[in-house]
């Protein structure tokens, strides 16, 4: 059985709209991310486990695998 978990996600800054593809960690949540354009530090929205679930095009690997995250 092949693992179809995606490990790349495009994060979009809610402040300036800057977009960048990043590699997601597969063994940890990423709680903070600094936008390289406006330097805003992104944090997960209420109810989300990480910045990828809040601002990314793809949910983090544990959520994709229906596992509890962090």
Protein backbone atom coordinates (compact mmCIF):
# COMPACT_ATOMS: atom_id res chain seq x y z
CA UNK A 1 0.00 0.00 0.00
CA UNK A 2 1.46 3.36 -1.01
CA UNK A 3 1.48 6.30 1.36
CA UNK A 4 -0.42 9.15 -0.27
CA UNK A 5 0.33 11.67 2.45
CA UNK A 6 1.31 15.01 0.98
CA UNK A 7 4.22 16.77 2.66
CA UNK A 8 4.20 20.06 0.75
CA UNK A 9 1.69 22.84 1.36
CA UNK A 10 1.42 26.43 0.16
CA UNK A 11 1.05 28.79 3.10
CA UNK A 12 -0.76 32.09 2.49
CA UNK A 13 -0.16 34.99 4.85
CA UNK A 14 -3.49 36.49 5.94
CA UNK A 15 -1.85 39.90 6.40
CA UNK A 16 -0.14 40.49 3.05
CA UNK A 17 -1.26 37.57 0.87
CA UNK A 18 2.29 36.27 0.28
CA UNK A 19 2.30 32.60 -0.72
CA UNK A 20 5.13 30.12 -0.33
CA UNK A 21 5.36 26.36 -0.68
CA UNK A 22 6.89 24.74 2.38
CA UNK A 23 7.69 21.18 3.40
CA UNK A 24 5.63 20.09 6.40
CA UNK A 25 7.22 18.20 9.25
CA UNK A 26 5.88 14.65 9.43
CA UNK A 27 6.68 14.08 13.08
CA UNK A 28 5.72 17.36 14.75
CA UNK A 29 3.29 20.26 14.54
CA UNK A 30 4.44 23.68 13.45
CA UNK A 31 2.83 26.25 15.72
CA UNK A 32 4.57 29.34 14.36
CA UNK A 33 5.58 30.52 10.89
CA UNK A 34 7.10 33.88 9.99
CA UNK A 35 6.02 35.34 6.66
CA UNK A 36 9.17 36.14 4.71
CA UNK A 37 7.54 39.19 3.11
CA UNK A 38 5.84 41.12 5.95
CA UNK A 39 7.40 39.28 8.93
CA UNK A 40 4.01 38.56 10.53
CA UNK A 41 4.24 35.51 12.78
CA UNK A 42 1.37 33.16 11.96
CA UNK A 43 -0.19 31.02 14.67
CA UNK A 44 -2.89 28.35 14.29
CA UNK A 45 -6.50 29.54 14.27
CA UNK A 46 -8.69 28.43 17.15
CA UNK A 47 -9.50 24.74 16.73
CA UNK A 48 -6.58 24.04 14.35
CA UNK A 49 -3.48 22.14 15.42
CA UNK A 50 -0.88 23.94 13.30
CA UNK A 51 -0.23 26.72 10.79
CA UNK A 52 -0.63 24.31 7.86
CA UNK A 53 -4.17 23.41 8.92
CA UNK A 54 -5.00 27.11 9.27
CA UNK A 55 -3.21 28.74 6.32
CA UNK A 56 -2.03 25.94 4.03
CA UNK A 57 -3.45 24.35 0.92
CA UNK A 58 -2.96 20.89 2.47
CA UNK A 59 -3.64 19.77 6.05
CA UNK A 60 -0.70 18.48 8.08
CA UNK A 61 0.34 14.82 7.68
CA UNK A 62 -1.25 13.50 10.92
CA UNK A 63 -4.62 15.04 10.00
CA UNK A 64 -4.35 13.60 6.45
CA UNK A 65 -3.81 10.18 8.04
CA UNK A 66 -6.80 10.60 10.39
CA UNK A 67 -4.51 10.56 13.41
CA UNK A 68 -4.60 12.86 16.38
CA UNK A 69 -2.22 15.72 15.90
CA UNK A 70 0.05 16.86 18.69
